Amino acid sequence: MTDKKVEILEKITCHAGFFTLNRYKLRHSLFSGGWSNELLREVLERGHAVAVLPYDPVTDNVVLIEQFRPGAMVAEHNPPWLFEIVAGIIEPNEQPEQVADREMQEEAGCEILDLKPIYHFFVSPGAVSETTQLYCAKVDTSNISGLHGVEAEDEDIKVHVMSYQQAMQMLNEGQIMYAPAIMALQWLALNRDAVRQDWNS
């Protein structure tokens, strides 16, 4: 069956706070033809996000950030501080490139010199509507360091500038568990020579 359809029979908002949790009663067309049974599915909705890997093509350094994550705490990851890349939610009337610029300033204290789109992907579409636009940003790491974050949002972010090789070692040793960071570093591993040639020319 090539004509894929969904019928939403009911939508109920279970929670509306920092996140919105909606419960849907729905049915969808089947590959074999006909319709599925009526399904109840809860979907966490919080908008869409941008994530950015800062990379210095001159020094071959990358920038990772480290911060506390309550999800990691609940999953009993010890300690619940994760190595990540810069990321943030797209606000109404914002373009992804604007979010990338804002979040780079807030979370890493650095300026974007150029920006390459990598992937646009769903985070966990079985239960979450969020998508992420992933970028690699050209930066100058000579003056990037310290602690950052928006005080009003209780952000406490530590910046780590490291060599590409060190970042890849951390990745291979399983020290990086944040999916956008894993994807961005794997993309850089595949495209690093071309990126350096482009940005250093």
N, C-alpha and C. Protein backbone atom coordinates (compact mmCIF):
# COMPACT_ATOMS: atom_id res chain seq x y z
N MET A 1 0.86 -1.19 0.00
CA MET A 1 0.00 0.00 0.00
C MET A 1 0.89 1.23 0.00
N THR A 2 0.72 2.09 -0.99
CA THR A 2 1.57 3.28 -1.08
C THR A 2 0.88 4.52 -0.52
N ASP A 3 -0.44 4.47 -0.34
CA ASP A 3 -1.18 5.64 0.14
C ASP A 3 -1.25 5.58 1.66
N LYS A 4 -0.26 6.18 2.32
CA LYS A 4 -0.18 6.11 3.78
C LYS A 4 -1.04 7.22 4.40
N LYS A 5 -1.92 6.83 5.31
CA LYS A 5 -2.84 7.78 5.92
C LYS A 5 -2.91 7.57 7.43
N VAL A 6 -3.24 8.67 8.14
CA VAL A 6 -3.46 8.62 9.58
C VAL A 6 -4.75 9.37 9.88
N GLU A 7 -5.58 8.81 10.73
CA GLU A 7 -6.78 9.48 11.21
C GLU A 7 -6.63 9.72 12.71
N ILE A 8 -6.65 10.98 13.11
CA ILE A 8 -6.62 11.32 14.54
C ILE A 8 -8.05 11.41 15.03
N LEU A 9 -8.42 10.53 15.91
CA LEU A 9 -9.80 10.43 16.40
C LEU A 9 -10.03 11.29 17.63
N GLU A 10 -8.96 11.50 18.41
CA GLU A 10 -9.08 12.30 19.64
C GLU A 10 -7.70 12.77 20.06
N LYS A 11 -7.63 13.97 20.61
CA LYS A 11 -6.38 14.51 21.14
C LYS A 11 -6.67 15.13 22.50
N ILE A 12 -5.96 14.68 23.52
CA ILE A 12 -6.13 15.19 24.88
C ILE A 12 -4.79 15.66 25.41
N THR A 13 -4.73 16.87 25.95
CA THR A 13 -3.51 17.37 26.58
C THR A 13 -3.47 16.89 28.02
N CYS A 14 -2.48 16.04 28.32
CA CYS A 14 -2.33 15.48 29.67
C CYS A 14 -1.54 16.39 30.58
N HIS A 15 -0.60 17.13 30.00
CA HIS A 15 0.24 18.03 30.78
C HIS A 15 0.74 19.14 29.89
N ALA A 16 0.73 20.37 30.40
CA ALA A 16 1.26 21.51 29.66
C ALA A 16 2.13 22.32 30.61
N GLY A 17 3.44 22.17 30.46
CA GLY A 17 4.40 22.90 31.28
C GLY A 17 5.59 23.24 30.43
N PHE A 18 6.81 22.96 30.94
CA PHE A 18 8.00 23.16 30.12
C PHE A 18 7.92 22.30 28.86
N PHE A 19 7.35 21.10 29.03
CA PHE A 19 7.01 20.23 27.91
C PHE A 19 5.49 20.08 27.88
N THR A 20 4.96 19.67 26.71
CA THR A 20 3.55 19.34 26.59
C THR A 20 3.44 17.85 26.29
N LEU A 21 2.56 17.17 27.02
CA LEU A 21 2.31 15.76 26.78
C LEU A 21 0.89 15.61 26.28
N ASN A 22 0.73 15.16 25.04
CA ASN A 22 -0.58 14.94 24.44
C ASN A 22 -0.83 13.45 24.25
N ARG A 23 -2.10 13.05 24.48
CA ARG A 23 -2.50 11.67 24.22
C ARG A 23 -3.40 11.65 22.98
N TYR A 24 -3.02 10.81 22.02
CA TYR A 24 -3.75 10.71 20.77
C TYR A 24 -4.46 9.35 20.68
N LYS A 25 -5.72 9.40 20.26
CA LYS A 25 -6.39 8.18 19.81
C LYS A 25 -6.38 8.24 18.29
N LEU A 26 -5.84 7.23 17.64
CA LEU A 26 -5.66 7.30 16.19
C LEU A 26 -5.72 5.90 15.57
N ARG A 27 -5.79 5.91 14.26
CA ARG A 27 -5.58 4.69 13.50
C ARG A 27 -4.83 5.07 12.23
N HIS A 28 -4.10 4.10 11.67
CA HIS A 28 -3.33 4.39 10.47
C HIS A 28 -3.48 3.25 9.46
N SER A 29 -3.23 3.59 8.21
CA SER A 29 -3.31 2.57 7.16
C SER A 29 -2.20 1.55 7.34
N LEU A 30 -2.45 0.34 6.88
CA LEU A 30 -1.51 -0.77 7.01
C LEU A 30 -0.84 -1.05 5.67
N PHE A 31 0.38 -1.54 5.70
CA PHE A 31 1.09 -1.90 4.47
C PHE A 31 0.31 -2.96 3.68
N SER A 32 -0.39 -3.84 4.41
CA SER A 32 -1.12 -4.93 3.75
C SER A 32 -2.49 -4.50 3.26
N GLY A 33 -2.87 -3.25 3.53
CA GLY A 33 -4.19 -2.75 3.17
C GLY A 33 -5.09 -2.65 4.39
N GLY A 34 -6.11 -1.79 4.29
CA GLY A 34 -7.01 -1.60 5.42
C GLY A 34 -6.42 -0.69 6.48
N TRP A 35 -7.00 -0.81 7.69
CA TRP A 35 -6.65 0.11 8.78
C TRP A 35 -6.23 -0.65 10.02
N SER A 36 -5.39 -0.03 10.82
CA SER A 36 -4.98 -0.59 12.11
C SER A 36 -6.15 -0.51 13.09
N ASN A 37 -6.00 -1.17 14.23
CA ASN A 37 -6.91 -0.95 15.33
C ASN A 37 -6.75 0.47 15.85
N GLU A 38 -7.70 0.94 16.65
CA GLU A 38 -7.55 2.24 17.30
C GLU A 38 -6.41 2.14 18.32
N LEU A 39 -5.50 3.09 18.25
CA LEU A 39 -4.32 3.09 19.10
C LEU A 39 -4.34 4.29 20.03
N LEU A 40 -3.84 4.12 21.24
CA LEU A 40 -3.60 5.23 22.16
C LEU A 40 -2.10 5.45 22.24
N ARG A 41 -1.67 6.65 21.90
CA ARG A 41 -0.25 6.97 21.91
C ARG A 41 -0.03 8.32 22.58
N GLU A 42 0.91 8.37 23.53
CA GLU A 42 1.28 9.63 24.18
C GLU A 42 2.53 10.17 23.51
N VAL A 43 2.51 11.47 23.20
CA VAL A 43 3.62 12.12 22.50
C VAL A 43 4.07 13.34 23.29
N LEU A 44 5.37 13.40 23.59
CA LEU A 44 5.98 14.54 24.24
C LEU A 44 6.32 15.58 23.18
N GLU A 45 5.81 16.80 23.36
CA GLU A 45 5.98 17.83 22.35
C GLU A 45 6.62 19.07 23.00
N ARG A 46 7.79 19.46 22.46
CA ARG A 46 8.46 20.63 23.01
C ARG A 46 9.07 21.48 21.90
N GLY A 47 8.66 21.26 20.68
CA GLY A 47 9.22 22.02 19.56
C GLY A 47 10.38 21.28 18.94
N HIS A 48 11.24 22.03 18.27
CA HIS A 48 12.36 21.45 17.53
C HIS A 48 13.67 22.11 17.97
N ALA A 49 14.78 21.45 17.68
CA ALA A 49 16.06 21.87 18.24
C ALA A 49 17.13 22.02 17.17
N VAL A 50 18.20 22.69 17.58
CA VAL A 50 19.41 22.85 16.78
C VAL A 50 20.58 22.37 17.62
N ALA A 51 21.50 21.65 17.01
CA ALA A 51 22.72 21.23 17.70
C ALA A 51 23.92 21.55 16.82
N VAL A 52 25.03 21.98 17.45
CA VAL A 52 26.18 22.48 16.69
C VAL A 52 27.47 21.90 17.26
N LEU A 53 28.28 21.33 16.36
CA LEU A 53 29.64 20.91 16.74
C LEU A 53 30.61 22.02 16.36
N PRO A 54 31.21 22.72 17.33
CA PRO A 54 32.22 23.73 17.01
C PRO A 54 33.55 23.05 16.64
N TYR A 55 34.12 23.46 15.51
CA TYR A 55 35.35 22.84 15.01
C TYR A 55 36.28 23.93 14.48
N ASP A 56 37.54 23.86 14.88
CA ASP A 56 38.57 24.80 14.43
C ASP A 56 39.43 24.08 13.40
N PRO A 57 39.30 24.42 12.11
CA PRO A 57 40.05 23.71 11.08
C PRO A 57 41.54 24.05 11.06
N VAL A 58 41.92 25.14 11.70
CA VAL A 58 43.33 25.54 11.74
C VAL A 58 44.10 24.68 12.74
N THR A 59 43.55 24.59 13.97
CA THR A 59 44.22 23.83 15.03
C THR A 59 43.77 22.37 15.09
N ASP A 60 42.71 22.02 14.34
CA ASP A 60 42.12 20.69 14.36
C ASP A 60 41.57 20.36 15.74
N ASN A 61 40.98 21.38 16.38
CA ASN A 61 40.37 21.21 17.70
C ASN A 61 38.85 21.19 17.57
N VAL A 62 38.20 20.46 18.47
CA VAL A 62 36.75 20.51 18.60
C VAL A 62 36.41 21.04 19.98
N VAL A 63 35.17 21.49 20.12
CA VAL A 63 34.68 22.01 21.40
C VAL A 63 33.52 21.14 21.86
N LEU A 64 33.65 20.57 23.04
CA LEU A 64 32.55 19.86 23.68
C LEU A 64 32.17 20.61 24.95
N ILE A 65 30.91 20.50 25.33
CA ILE A 65 30.46 21.10 26.58
C ILE A 65 30.04 19.98 27.53
N GLU A 66 30.03 20.29 28.81
CA GLU A 66 29.68 19.31 29.83
C GLU A 66 28.66 19.93 30.77
N GLN A 67 27.56 19.21 31.03
CA GLN A 67 26.56 19.74 31.95
C GLN A 67 25.74 18.62 32.57
N PHE A 68 25.10 18.93 33.71
CA PHE A 68 24.23 17.99 34.41
C PHE A 68 22.96 17.76 33.61
N ARG A 69 22.50 16.49 33.56
CA ARG A 69 21.28 16.14 32.84
C ARG A 69 20.38 15.27 33.73
N PRO A 70 19.16 15.74 34.06
CA PRO A 70 18.28 14.95 34.92
C PRO A 70 17.88 13.61 34.31
N GLY A 71 17.78 13.55 32.98
CA GLY A 71 17.47 12.26 32.34
C GLY A 71 18.55 11.23 32.60
N ALA A 72 19.81 11.68 32.57
CA ALA A 72 20.92 10.78 32.88
C ALA A 72 20.88 10.35 34.34
N MET A 73 20.43 11.25 35.22
CA MET A 73 20.30 10.92 36.63
C MET A 73 19.26 9.83 36.83
N VAL A 74 18.09 9.99 36.19
CA VAL A 74 17.02 9.00 36.34
C VAL A 74 17.43 7.65 35.75
N ALA A 75 18.24 7.70 34.67
CA ALA A 75 18.75 6.46 34.07
C ALA A 75 19.91 5.86 34.85
N GLU A 76 20.27 6.51 35.98
CA GLU A 76 21.32 6.04 36.88
C GLU A 76 22.69 6.02 36.21
N HIS A 77 22.90 7.00 35.32
CA HIS A 77 24.24 7.17 34.75
C HIS A 77 25.07 7.93 35.78
N ASN A 78 26.20 7.37 36.16
CA ASN A 78 26.99 7.96 37.24
C ASN A 78 28.37 8.37 36.74
N PRO A 79 28.68 9.71 36.81
CA PRO A 79 27.82 10.78 37.28
C PRO A 79 26.90 11.27 36.16
N PRO A 80 25.80 11.95 36.50
CA PRO A 80 24.84 12.38 35.48
C PRO A 80 25.24 13.69 34.78
N TRP A 81 26.52 13.87 34.54
CA TRP A 81 27.03 14.98 33.72
C TRP A 81 27.46 14.38 32.39
N LEU A 82 27.02 14.97 31.29
CA LEU A 82 27.30 14.42 29.97
C LEU A 82 28.16 15.36 29.13
N PHE A 83 28.99 14.77 28.29
CA PHE A 83 29.71 15.53 27.27
C PHE A 83 28.79 15.66 26.06
N GLU A 84 28.58 16.91 25.64
CA GLU A 84 27.62 17.20 24.59
C GLU A 84 28.22 18.19 23.60
N ILE A 85 27.41 18.57 22.61
CA ILE A 85 27.71 19.72 21.77
C ILE A 85 26.67 20.79 22.05
N VAL A 86 26.93 21.98 21.59
CA VAL A 86 26.02 23.10 21.81
C VAL A 86 24.65 22.80 21.20
N ALA A 87 23.58 23.12 21.93
CA ALA A 87 22.23 22.84 21.42
C ALA A 87 21.21 23.75 22.09
N GLY A 88 20.08 23.92 21.41
CA GLY A 88 19.00 24.72 21.96
C GLY A 88 17.72 24.55 21.16
N ILE A 89 16.62 24.98 21.77
CA ILE A 89 15.29 24.87 21.16
C ILE A 89 15.03 26.07 20.25
N ILE A 90 14.40 25.81 19.11
CA ILE A 90 14.01 26.87 18.18
C ILE A 90 12.77 27.57 18.73
N GLU A 91 12.89 28.86 19.00
CA GLU A 91 11.77 29.65 19.49
C GLU A 91 10.89 30.08 18.31
N PRO A 92 9.64 30.51 18.58
CA PRO A 92 8.77 30.97 17.49
C PRO A 92 9.43 32.08 16.67
N ASN A 93 9.29 31.99 15.36
CA ASN A 93 9.81 32.98 14.40
C ASN A 93 11.34 33.00 14.32
N GLU A 94 12.00 31.99 14.86
CA GLU A 94 13.46 31.88 14.75
C GLU A 94 13.83 30.92 13.64
N GLN A 95 14.92 31.22 12.95
CA GLN A 95 15.50 30.30 11.98
C GLN A 95 16.57 29.46 12.67
N PRO A 96 16.80 28.23 12.19
CA PRO A 96 17.81 27.37 12.83
C PRO A 96 19.18 28.03 12.94
N GLU A 97 19.58 28.79 11.92
CA GLU A 97 20.90 29.45 11.95
C GLU A 97 20.97 30.49 13.07
N GLN A 98 19.86 31.15 13.35
CA GLN A 98 19.82 32.12 14.45
C GLN A 98 19.97 31.42 15.79
N VAL A 99 19.34 30.27 15.92
CA VAL A 99 19.46 29.50 17.16
C VAL A 99 20.90 29.04 17.35
N ALA A 100 21.52 28.58 16.27
CA ALA A 100 22.91 28.14 16.35
C ALA A 100 23.80 29.27 16.86
N ASP A 101 23.62 30.46 16.33
CA ASP A 101 24.42 31.61 16.74
C ASP A 101 24.17 31.96 18.20
N ARG A 102 22.91 32.00 18.60
CA ARG A 102 22.57 32.35 19.99
C ARG A 102 23.14 31.34 20.97
N GLU A 103 22.94 30.07 20.69
CA GLU A 103 23.38 29.04 21.62
C GLU A 103 24.91 28.93 21.68
N MET A 104 25.58 29.18 20.58
CA MET A 104 27.05 29.18 20.60
C MET A 104 27.58 30.26 21.53
N GLN A 105 26.94 31.42 21.51
CA GLN A 105 27.34 32.51 22.40
C GLN A 105 27.05 32.15 23.86
N GLU A 106 25.83 31.61 24.11
CA GLU A 106 25.41 31.36 25.49
C GLU A 106 26.13 30.18 26.13
N GLU A 107 26.34 29.12 25.37
CA GLU A 107 26.86 27.88 25.96
C GLU A 107 28.36 27.71 25.83
N ALA A 108 28.96 28.35 24.83
CA ALA A 108 30.40 28.16 24.62
C ALA A 108 31.17 29.47 24.53
N GLY A 109 30.48 30.59 24.48
CA GLY A 109 31.15 31.88 24.41
C GLY A 109 31.98 32.06 23.16
N CYS A 110 31.50 31.52 22.03
CA CYS A 110 32.27 31.64 20.80
C CYS A 110 31.41 32.08 19.62
N GLU A 111 32.07 32.60 18.62
CA GLU A 111 31.41 33.14 17.44
C GLU A 111 31.52 32.15 16.29
N ILE A 112 30.43 32.03 15.54
CA ILE A 112 30.42 31.18 14.35
C ILE A 112 31.05 31.93 13.18
N LEU A 113 32.07 31.35 12.58
CA LEU A 113 32.71 31.95 11.41
C LEU A 113 32.13 31.41 10.11
N ASP A 114 31.62 30.21 10.14
CA ASP A 114 30.94 29.59 9.00
C ASP A 114 30.15 28.41 9.54
N LEU A 115 29.16 27.97 8.77
CA LEU A 115 28.24 26.95 9.27
C LEU A 115 27.92 25.96 8.15
N LYS A 116 28.09 24.67 8.46
CA LYS A 116 27.75 23.62 7.49
C LYS A 116 26.62 22.77 8.05
N PRO A 117 25.51 22.64 7.33
CA PRO A 117 24.46 21.72 7.78
C PRO A 117 24.91 20.28 7.62
N ILE A 118 24.56 19.45 8.60
CA ILE A 118 24.94 18.04 8.57
C ILE A 118 23.71 17.17 8.30
N TYR A 119 22.85 17.01 9.33
CA TYR A 119 21.67 16.17 9.21
C TYR A 119 20.47 16.86 9.85
N HIS A 120 19.29 16.44 9.44
CA HIS A 120 18.04 16.82 10.11
C HIS A 120 17.34 15.52 10.48
N PHE A 121 17.11 15.29 11.78
CA PHE A 121 16.66 13.96 12.20
C PHE A 121 15.67 14.02 13.35
N PHE A 122 14.88 12.96 13.48
CA PHE A 122 14.01 12.78 14.65
C PHE A 122 14.85 12.28 15.81
N VAL A 123 14.48 12.70 17.02
CA VAL A 123 15.21 12.30 18.21
C VAL A 123 14.76 10.93 18.69
N SER A 124 13.46 10.77 18.89
CA SER A 124 12.89 9.49 19.35
C SER A 124 11.43 9.46 18.92
N PRO A 125 11.16 9.22 17.62
CA PRO A 125 9.82 9.44 17.08
C PRO A 125 8.75 8.48 17.59
N GLY A 126 9.13 7.46 18.34
CA GLY A 126 8.12 6.61 18.95
C GLY A 126 7.32 7.32 20.02
N ALA A 127 7.89 8.39 20.59
CA ALA A 127 7.19 9.07 21.69
C ALA A 127 7.42 10.57 21.73
N VAL A 128 8.30 11.11 20.87
CA VAL A 128 8.66 12.53 20.92
C VAL A 128 8.55 13.12 19.51
N SER A 129 7.95 14.31 19.40
CA SER A 129 7.78 14.95 18.09
C SER A 129 9.00 15.76 17.67
N GLU A 130 9.94 15.97 18.58
CA GLU A 130 11.09 16.85 18.32
C GLU A 130 11.98 16.34 17.19
N THR A 131 12.43 17.28 16.35
CA THR A 131 13.50 17.00 15.40
C THR A 131 14.68 17.90 15.74
N THR A 132 15.86 17.52 15.26
CA THR A 132 17.07 18.31 15.48
C THR A 132 17.75 18.60 14.15
N GLN A 133 18.10 19.87 13.96
CA GLN A 133 18.93 20.27 12.82
C GLN A 133 20.37 20.33 13.32
N LEU A 134 21.23 19.51 12.72
CA LEU A 134 22.60 19.38 13.19
C LEU A 134 23.55 20.12 12.25
N TYR A 135 24.49 20.86 12.84
CA TYR A 135 25.46 21.65 12.09
C TYR A 135 26.87 21.39 12.60
N CYS A 136 27.85 21.73 11.74
CA CYS A 136 29.24 21.89 12.15
C CYS A 136 29.59 23.36 11.95
N ALA A 137 30.15 23.99 12.97
CA ALA A 137 30.48 25.41 12.91
C ALA A 137 31.98 25.62 12.90
N LYS A 138 32.44 26.47 12.01
CA LYS A 138 33.84 26.88 12.01
C LYS A 138 34.04 27.91 13.12
N VAL A 139 35.03 27.67 13.98
CA VAL A 139 35.31 28.58 15.09
C VAL A 139 36.82 28.76 15.24
N ASP A 140 37.18 29.76 16.00
CA ASP A 140 38.56 29.99 16.42
C ASP A 140 38.64 29.63 17.90
N THR A 141 39.32 28.53 18.23
CA THR A 141 39.32 28.04 19.61
C THR A 141 40.37 28.71 20.50
N SER A 142 41.11 29.68 19.97
CA SER A 142 42.22 30.26 20.74
C SER A 142 41.75 30.97 22.01
N ASN A 143 40.51 31.46 22.03
CA ASN A 143 40.02 32.18 23.20
C ASN A 143 38.77 31.54 23.80
N ILE A 144 38.56 30.26 23.54
CA ILE A 144 37.37 29.58 24.07
C ILE A 144 37.76 28.78 25.30
N SER A 145 37.07 29.04 26.41
CA SER A 145 37.34 28.31 27.65
C SER A 145 36.30 28.71 28.69
N GLY A 146 36.40 28.13 29.87
CA GLY A 146 35.65 28.60 31.02
C GLY A 146 34.28 27.99 31.19
N LEU A 147 33.48 28.68 32.02
CA LEU A 147 32.13 28.27 32.38
C LEU A 147 31.14 29.20 31.71
N HIS A 148 30.04 28.63 31.23
CA HIS A 148 29.05 29.42 30.50
C HIS A 148 27.65 28.97 30.86
N GLY A 149 26.67 29.54 30.18
CA GLY A 149 25.27 29.22 30.42
C GLY A 149 24.49 30.44 30.83
N VAL A 150 23.17 30.37 30.65
CA VAL A 150 22.28 31.48 31.00
C VAL A 150 21.87 31.33 32.45
N GLU A 151 22.22 32.32 33.27
CA GLU A 151 21.96 32.24 34.70
C GLU A 151 20.48 32.12 35.00
N ALA A 152 19.66 32.85 34.24
CA ALA A 152 18.21 32.82 34.46
C ALA A 152 17.62 31.44 34.19
N GLU A 153 18.32 30.62 33.40
CA GLU A 153 17.87 29.26 33.11
C GLU A 153 18.62 28.22 33.94
N ASP A 154 19.39 28.70 34.93
CA ASP A 154 20.16 27.83 35.82
C ASP A 154 21.08 26.89 35.06
N GLU A 155 21.66 27.38 33.96
CA GLU A 155 22.60 26.58 33.21
C GLU A 155 24.00 26.68 33.83
N ASP A 156 24.66 25.57 33.94
CA ASP A 156 26.02 25.50 34.47
C ASP A 156 26.82 24.62 33.51
N ILE A 157 27.52 25.26 32.58
CA ILE A 157 28.13 24.55 31.46
C ILE A 157 29.64 24.77 31.46
N LYS A 158 30.38 23.68 31.39
CA LYS A 158 31.83 23.74 31.31
C LYS A 158 32.26 23.44 29.87
N VAL A 159 33.14 24.29 29.34
CA VAL A 159 33.61 24.14 27.97
C VAL A 159 34.93 23.36 27.96
N HIS A 160 35.03 22.42 27.03
CA HIS A 160 36.25 21.64 26.85
C HIS A 160 36.73 21.80 25.41
N VAL A 161 37.91 22.37 25.24
CA VAL A 161 38.55 22.44 23.92
C VAL A 161 39.57 21.31 23.87
N MET A 162 39.47 20.48 22.84
CA MET A 162 40.36 19.32 22.75
C MET A 162 40.69 19.03 21.30
N SER A 163 41.74 18.27 21.10
CA SER A 163 42.12 17.89 19.75
C SER A 163 41.08 16.95 19.15
N TYR A 164 41.02 16.93 17.85
CA TYR A 164 40.15 15.98 17.15
C TYR A 164 40.44 14.55 17.61
N GLN A 165 41.71 14.21 17.73
CA GLN A 165 42.10 12.86 18.13
C GLN A 165 41.60 12.52 19.53
N GLN A 166 41.68 13.50 20.44
CA GLN A 166 41.20 13.25 21.80
C GLN A 166 39.69 13.04 21.81
N ALA A 167 38.97 13.85 21.03
CA ALA A 167 37.52 13.70 20.95
C ALA A 167 37.14 12.34 20.39
N MET A 168 37.87 11.88 19.37
CA MET A 168 37.58 10.58 18.79
C MET A 168 37.91 9.45 19.76
N GLN A 169 38.95 9.63 20.56
CA GLN A 169 39.27 8.62 21.58
C GLN A 169 38.14 8.53 22.61
N MET A 170 37.64 9.69 23.04
CA MET A 170 36.51 9.69 23.98
C MET A 170 35.30 9.00 23.37
N LEU A 171 35.05 9.28 22.09
CA LEU A 171 33.92 8.66 21.40
C LEU A 171 34.08 7.14 21.36
N ASN A 172 35.26 6.69 20.98
CA ASN A 172 35.52 5.25 20.84
C ASN A 172 35.50 4.53 22.19
N GLU A 173 35.79 5.26 23.26
CA GLU A 173 35.80 4.66 24.60
C GLU A 173 34.42 4.73 25.28
N GLY A 174 33.43 5.29 24.57
CA GLY A 174 32.08 5.35 25.11
C GLY A 174 31.86 6.45 26.13
N GLN A 175 32.75 7.44 26.16
CA GLN A 175 32.59 8.54 27.11
C GLN A 175 31.58 9.58 26.64
N ILE A 176 31.21 9.54 25.37
CA ILE A 176 30.24 10.48 24.82
C ILE A 176 28.97 9.71 24.54
N MET A 177 27.88 10.06 25.23
CA MET A 177 26.62 9.32 25.14
C MET A 177 25.47 10.17 24.62
N TYR A 178 25.77 11.39 24.22
CA TYR A 178 24.75 12.31 23.70
C TYR A 178 24.67 12.11 22.19
N ALA A 179 23.51 11.66 21.70
CA ALA A 179 23.39 11.22 20.30
C ALA A 179 23.83 12.27 19.28
N PRO A 180 23.41 13.55 19.39
CA PRO A 180 23.87 14.52 18.38
C PRO A 180 25.39 14.69 18.36
N ALA A 181 26.03 14.59 19.51
CA ALA A 181 27.49 14.68 19.54
C ALA A 181 28.13 13.48 18.85
N ILE A 182 27.58 12.30 19.08
CA ILE A 182 28.09 11.10 18.42
C ILE A 182 27.95 11.23 16.91
N MET A 183 26.78 11.66 16.46
CA MET A 183 26.53 11.80 15.02
C MET A 183 27.45 12.84 14.40
N ALA A 184 27.61 13.98 15.10
CA ALA A 184 28.44 15.06 14.56
C ALA A 184 29.90 14.64 14.46
N LEU A 185 30.40 13.96 15.47
CA LEU A 185 31.80 13.53 15.45
C LEU A 185 32.03 12.45 14.39
N GLN A 186 31.06 11.55 14.22
CA GLN A 186 31.20 10.55 13.16
C GLN A 186 31.17 11.20 11.78
N TRP A 187 30.31 12.23 11.63
CA TRP A 187 30.28 12.97 10.36
C TRP A 187 31.63 13.65 10.12
N LEU A 188 32.19 14.26 11.18
CA LEU A 188 33.48 14.93 11.03
C LEU A 188 34.57 13.93 10.66
N ALA A 189 34.52 12.73 11.24
CA ALA A 189 35.51 11.71 10.91
C ALA A 189 35.46 11.37 9.41
N LEU A 190 34.27 11.37 8.84
CA LEU A 190 34.12 11.04 7.42
C LEU A 190 34.46 12.21 6.50
N ASN A 191 34.29 13.44 7.00
CA ASN A 191 34.40 14.62 6.14
C ASN A 191 35.50 15.60 6.54
N ARG A 192 36.33 15.22 7.50
CA ARG A 192 37.30 16.15 8.08
C ARG A 192 38.26 16.72 7.04
N ASP A 193 38.81 15.90 6.18
CA ASP A 193 39.77 16.40 5.19
C ASP A 193 39.13 17.42 4.27
N ALA A 194 37.91 17.14 3.80
CA ALA A 194 37.22 18.07 2.91
C ALA A 194 36.85 19.36 3.64
N VAL A 195 36.44 19.23 4.91
CA VAL A 195 36.08 20.42 5.70
C VAL A 195 37.30 21.29 5.91
N ARG A 196 38.43 20.70 6.26
CA ARG A 196 39.65 21.48 6.50
C ARG A 196 40.12 22.16 5.19
N GLN A 197 40.02 21.45 4.10
CA GLN A 197 40.44 22.03 2.81
C GLN A 197 39.54 23.21 2.45
N ASP A 198 38.23 23.06 2.69
CA ASP A 198 37.29 24.13 2.37
C ASP A 198 37.52 25.34 3.27
N TRP A 199 37.59 25.11 4.57
CA TRP A 199 37.65 26.22 5.52
C TRP A 199 39.05 26.81 5.66
N ASN A 200 40.07 26.12 5.22
CA ASN A 200 41.42 26.68 5.29
C ASN A 200 41.90 27.26 3.96
N SER A 201 41.06 27.17 2.95
CA SER A 201 41.47 27.68 1.63
C SER A 201 41.32 29.20 1.54
